[in-house]
Amino acid sequence: MAGTGKGPTDRQREFGARVRAQRRAVGMTQEALAHRAGVHRSYVGSLETGGRNPSLETIARLATALEVDAADLVAGLQAVRGRRGT
């Protein structure tokens, strides 16, 4: 994860996997998703591998670009391990 030096959490990896799966399900490239969500393509790549911890605003923009509800991307993530076992 950028800035912490601790690496991605399981929660970040799971969120990224959900974004990737949804993107692929709709036949969208990382570049197309980035353009539609207003983020850089490299950000999408990093997000999909768990290397980013997106803000609520970014989650909403990704969901809009993917034409899903933001809740679909985050449902159940509280049960996935984050930092310090949370």
N, C-alpha and C. Protein backbone atom coordinates (compact mmCIF):
# COMPACT_ATOMS: atom_id res chain seq x y z
N MET A 1 0.84 -1.17 0.00
CA MET A 1 0.00 0.00 0.00
C MET A 1 0.88 1.24 0.00
N ALA A 2 0.53 2.17 -0.81
CA ALA A 2 1.33 3.38 -0.94
C ALA A 2 1.41 4.13 0.37
N GLY A 3 2.62 4.45 0.80
CA GLY A 3 2.80 5.32 1.95
C GLY A 3 2.96 4.64 3.29
N THR A 4 2.45 3.41 3.47
CA THR A 4 2.52 2.80 4.80
C THR A 4 3.71 1.86 4.94
N GLY A 5 4.18 1.31 3.83
CA GLY A 5 5.28 0.36 3.89
C GLY A 5 4.88 -0.98 4.48
N LYS A 6 3.57 -1.20 4.67
CA LYS A 6 3.09 -2.43 5.29
C LYS A 6 2.47 -3.39 4.30
N GLY A 7 2.28 -2.96 3.06
CA GLY A 7 1.68 -3.82 2.05
C GLY A 7 0.17 -3.86 2.16
N PRO A 8 -0.46 -4.45 1.15
CA PRO A 8 -1.92 -4.49 1.10
C PRO A 8 -2.51 -5.46 2.12
N THR A 9 -3.70 -5.15 2.57
CA THR A 9 -4.41 -6.04 3.48
C THR A 9 -5.26 -7.02 2.67
N ASP A 10 -5.74 -8.05 3.31
CA ASP A 10 -6.65 -8.98 2.66
C ASP A 10 -7.90 -8.25 2.18
N ARG A 11 -8.33 -7.28 2.95
CA ARG A 11 -9.52 -6.49 2.61
C ARG A 11 -9.29 -5.70 1.32
N GLN A 12 -8.12 -5.10 1.20
CA GLN A 12 -7.80 -4.34 -0.02
C GLN A 12 -7.70 -5.28 -1.22
N ARG A 13 -7.10 -6.44 -1.03
CA ARG A 13 -7.00 -7.41 -2.12
C ARG A 13 -8.38 -7.88 -2.56
N GLU A 14 -9.26 -8.14 -1.61
CA GLU A 14 -10.61 -8.59 -1.93
C GLU A 14 -11.39 -7.51 -2.67
N PHE A 15 -11.28 -6.26 -2.23
CA PHE A 15 -11.96 -5.18 -2.94
C PHE A 15 -11.44 -5.09 -4.37
N GLY A 16 -10.14 -5.15 -4.55
CA GLY A 16 -9.55 -5.10 -5.88
C GLY A 16 -10.02 -6.25 -6.76
N ALA A 17 -10.13 -7.43 -6.18
CA ALA A 17 -10.60 -8.58 -6.94
C ALA A 17 -12.05 -8.39 -7.38
N ARG A 18 -12.84 -7.76 -6.54
CA ARG A 18 -14.24 -7.49 -6.90
C ARG A 18 -14.33 -6.49 -8.05
N VAL A 19 -13.51 -5.45 -7.98
CA VAL A 19 -13.49 -4.47 -9.07
C VAL A 19 -13.06 -5.15 -10.37
N ARG A 20 -11.99 -5.94 -10.31
CA ARG A 20 -11.49 -6.64 -11.49
C ARG A 20 -12.56 -7.56 -12.08
N ALA A 21 -13.21 -8.34 -11.21
CA ALA A 21 -14.23 -9.29 -11.68
C ALA A 21 -15.39 -8.55 -12.35
N GLN A 22 -15.82 -7.46 -11.75
CA GLN A 22 -16.93 -6.70 -12.33
C GLN A 22 -16.51 -6.06 -13.65
N ARG A 23 -15.30 -5.53 -13.68
CA ARG A 23 -14.79 -4.91 -14.91
C ARG A 23 -14.74 -5.93 -16.04
N ARG A 24 -14.24 -7.10 -15.74
CA ARG A 24 -14.15 -8.15 -16.76
C ARG A 24 -15.53 -8.63 -17.18
N ALA A 25 -16.45 -8.71 -16.21
CA ALA A 25 -17.82 -9.18 -16.50
C ALA A 25 -18.52 -8.28 -17.50
N VAL A 26 -18.20 -7.00 -17.47
CA VAL A 26 -18.82 -6.07 -18.41
C VAL A 26 -17.94 -5.84 -19.63
N GLY A 27 -16.82 -6.54 -19.73
CA GLY A 27 -15.95 -6.46 -20.90
C GLY A 27 -15.23 -5.13 -21.04
N MET A 28 -14.83 -4.57 -19.91
CA MET A 28 -14.17 -3.27 -19.92
C MET A 28 -12.68 -3.42 -19.63
N THR A 29 -11.87 -2.64 -20.30
CA THR A 29 -10.43 -2.64 -20.02
C THR A 29 -10.16 -1.76 -18.80
N GLN A 30 -8.97 -1.91 -18.24
CA GLN A 30 -8.57 -1.01 -17.15
C GLN A 30 -8.57 0.43 -17.62
N GLU A 31 -8.12 0.64 -18.83
CA GLU A 31 -8.07 2.00 -19.37
C GLU A 31 -9.47 2.60 -19.50
N ALA A 32 -10.42 1.81 -19.98
CA ALA A 32 -11.80 2.30 -20.12
C ALA A 32 -12.41 2.60 -18.75
N LEU A 33 -12.18 1.72 -17.78
CA LEU A 33 -12.69 1.96 -16.44
C LEU A 33 -12.09 3.23 -15.87
N ALA A 34 -10.80 3.38 -16.01
CA ALA A 34 -10.12 4.57 -15.50
C ALA A 34 -10.71 5.83 -16.11
N HIS A 35 -10.90 5.81 -17.41
CA HIS A 35 -11.46 6.97 -18.09
C HIS A 35 -12.86 7.29 -17.57
N ARG A 36 -13.70 6.28 -17.47
CA ARG A 36 -15.08 6.49 -17.02
C ARG A 36 -15.15 6.93 -15.56
N ALA A 37 -14.20 6.47 -14.74
CA ALA A 37 -14.22 6.81 -13.31
C ALA A 37 -13.42 8.07 -13.00
N GLY A 38 -12.67 8.56 -13.99
CA GLY A 38 -11.88 9.77 -13.77
C GLY A 38 -10.64 9.56 -12.93
N VAL A 39 -10.02 8.38 -13.09
CA VAL A 39 -8.77 8.08 -12.39
C VAL A 39 -7.74 7.63 -13.43
N HIS A 40 -6.50 7.53 -13.03
CA HIS A 40 -5.43 7.10 -13.95
C HIS A 40 -5.48 5.59 -14.12
N ARG A 41 -5.10 5.12 -15.31
CA ARG A 41 -5.11 3.68 -15.57
C ARG A 41 -4.21 2.91 -14.60
N SER A 42 -3.08 3.49 -14.26
CA SER A 42 -2.19 2.81 -13.33
C SER A 42 -2.83 2.68 -11.94
N TYR A 43 -3.70 3.63 -11.59
CA TYR A 43 -4.41 3.54 -10.31
C TYR A 43 -5.33 2.32 -10.31
N VAL A 44 -6.04 2.11 -11.42
CA VAL A 44 -6.93 0.95 -11.51
C VAL A 44 -6.12 -0.34 -11.37
N GLY A 45 -4.99 -0.42 -12.05
CA GLY A 45 -4.15 -1.61 -11.95
C GLY A 45 -3.68 -1.85 -10.53
N SER A 46 -3.25 -0.80 -9.87
CA SER A 46 -2.79 -0.91 -8.49
C SER A 46 -3.95 -1.27 -7.55
N LEU A 47 -5.10 -0.69 -7.79
CA LEU A 47 -6.29 -0.98 -6.97
C LEU A 47 -6.66 -2.46 -7.09
N GLU A 48 -6.64 -2.97 -8.32
CA GLU A 48 -7.03 -4.36 -8.54
C GLU A 48 -6.09 -5.37 -7.89
N THR A 49 -4.87 -4.98 -7.62
CA THR A 49 -3.94 -5.88 -6.94
C THR A 49 -3.89 -5.64 -5.44
N GLY A 50 -4.73 -4.74 -4.96
CA GLY A 50 -4.79 -4.47 -3.53
C GLY A 50 -3.83 -3.40 -3.08
N GLY A 51 -3.17 -2.74 -3.99
CA GLY A 51 -2.16 -1.75 -3.65
C GLY A 51 -2.70 -0.37 -3.30
N ARG A 52 -3.99 -0.20 -3.35
CA ARG A 52 -4.61 1.09 -3.03
C ARG A 52 -5.73 0.89 -2.03
N ASN A 53 -5.95 1.93 -1.24
CA ASN A 53 -7.05 1.95 -0.28
C ASN A 53 -7.95 3.12 -0.70
N PRO A 54 -8.93 2.86 -1.57
CA PRO A 54 -9.69 3.94 -2.18
C PRO A 54 -10.60 4.67 -1.19
N SER A 55 -10.80 5.95 -1.48
CA SER A 55 -11.72 6.76 -0.68
C SER A 55 -13.15 6.40 -1.04
N LEU A 56 -14.07 6.86 -0.23
CA LEU A 56 -15.49 6.66 -0.51
C LEU A 56 -15.85 7.27 -1.86
N GLU A 57 -15.31 8.44 -2.14
CA GLU A 57 -15.57 9.10 -3.43
C GLU A 57 -15.10 8.23 -4.59
N THR A 58 -13.92 7.64 -4.47
CA THR A 58 -13.40 6.80 -5.55
C THR A 58 -14.23 5.53 -5.69
N ILE A 59 -14.65 4.94 -4.59
CA ILE A 59 -15.51 3.75 -4.65
C ILE A 59 -16.80 4.08 -5.39
N ALA A 60 -17.39 5.23 -5.08
CA ALA A 60 -18.63 5.64 -5.74
C ALA A 60 -18.41 5.86 -7.24
N ARG A 61 -17.29 6.47 -7.60
CA ARG A 61 -17.00 6.72 -9.01
C ARG A 61 -16.75 5.41 -9.77
N LEU A 62 -16.05 4.47 -9.14
CA LEU A 62 -15.83 3.17 -9.76
C LEU A 62 -17.15 2.43 -9.96
N ALA A 63 -18.00 2.46 -8.95
CA ALA A 63 -19.29 1.78 -9.03
C ALA A 63 -20.14 2.39 -10.15
N THR A 64 -20.16 3.69 -10.24
CA THR A 64 -20.91 4.36 -11.31
C THR A 64 -20.37 3.95 -12.67
N ALA A 65 -19.06 3.93 -12.82
CA ALA A 65 -18.44 3.54 -14.09
C ALA A 65 -18.75 2.09 -14.44
N LEU A 66 -18.84 1.24 -13.43
CA LEU A 66 -19.13 -0.18 -13.64
C LEU A 66 -20.63 -0.48 -13.69
N GLU A 67 -21.43 0.56 -13.44
CA GLU A 67 -22.89 0.44 -13.43
C GLU A 67 -23.39 -0.57 -12.41
N VAL A 68 -22.81 -0.48 -11.20
CA VAL A 68 -23.26 -1.28 -10.06
C VAL A 68 -23.44 -0.34 -8.88
N ASP A 69 -24.11 -0.81 -7.86
CA ASP A 69 -24.23 -0.04 -6.63
C ASP A 69 -22.91 -0.18 -5.86
N ALA A 70 -22.48 0.89 -5.24
CA ALA A 70 -21.24 0.83 -4.46
C ALA A 70 -21.31 -0.27 -3.40
N ALA A 71 -22.49 -0.51 -2.87
CA ALA A 71 -22.66 -1.56 -1.85
C ALA A 71 -22.27 -2.93 -2.39
N ASP A 72 -22.46 -3.15 -3.68
CA ASP A 72 -22.08 -4.43 -4.28
C ASP A 72 -20.57 -4.66 -4.22
N LEU A 73 -19.81 -3.58 -4.26
CA LEU A 73 -18.35 -3.70 -4.23
C LEU A 73 -17.80 -3.87 -2.81
N VAL A 74 -18.55 -3.44 -1.81
CA VAL A 74 -18.03 -3.48 -0.43
C VAL A 74 -18.78 -4.42 0.51
N ALA A 75 -19.87 -5.00 0.04
CA ALA A 75 -20.69 -5.87 0.90
C ALA A 75 -19.84 -6.97 1.52
N GLY A 76 -19.90 -7.10 2.83
CA GLY A 76 -19.21 -8.16 3.55
C GLY A 76 -17.73 -7.94 3.79
N LEU A 77 -17.17 -6.83 3.34
CA LEU A 77 -15.72 -6.61 3.52
C LEU A 77 -15.31 -6.48 4.98
N GLN A 78 -16.25 -6.10 5.84
CA GLN A 78 -15.88 -5.97 7.26
C GLN A 78 -15.47 -7.32 7.85
N ALA A 79 -15.89 -8.41 7.23
CA ALA A 79 -15.54 -9.73 7.72
C ALA A 79 -14.15 -10.19 7.24
N VAL A 80 -13.58 -9.46 6.29
CA VAL A 80 -12.26 -9.81 5.75
C VAL A 80 -11.20 -9.11 6.59
N ARG A 81 -10.10 -9.78 6.83
CA ARG A 81 -9.04 -9.24 7.69
C ARG A 81 -8.43 -7.97 7.13
N GLY A 82 -8.35 -6.97 7.97
CA GLY A 82 -7.68 -5.71 7.65
C GLY A 82 -6.41 -5.60 8.48
N ARG A 83 -6.00 -4.41 8.80
CA ARG A 83 -4.81 -4.21 9.65
C ARG A 83 -5.12 -4.61 11.09
N ARG A 84 -4.10 -5.10 11.77
CA ARG A 84 -4.19 -5.48 13.18
C ARG A 84 -5.35 -6.44 13.44
N GLY A 85 -5.65 -7.28 12.46
CA GLY A 85 -6.68 -8.30 12.66
C GLY A 85 -8.09 -7.78 12.63
N THR A 86 -8.27 -6.50 12.23
CA THR A 86 -9.62 -5.95 12.21
C THR A 86 -10.29 -6.15 10.88
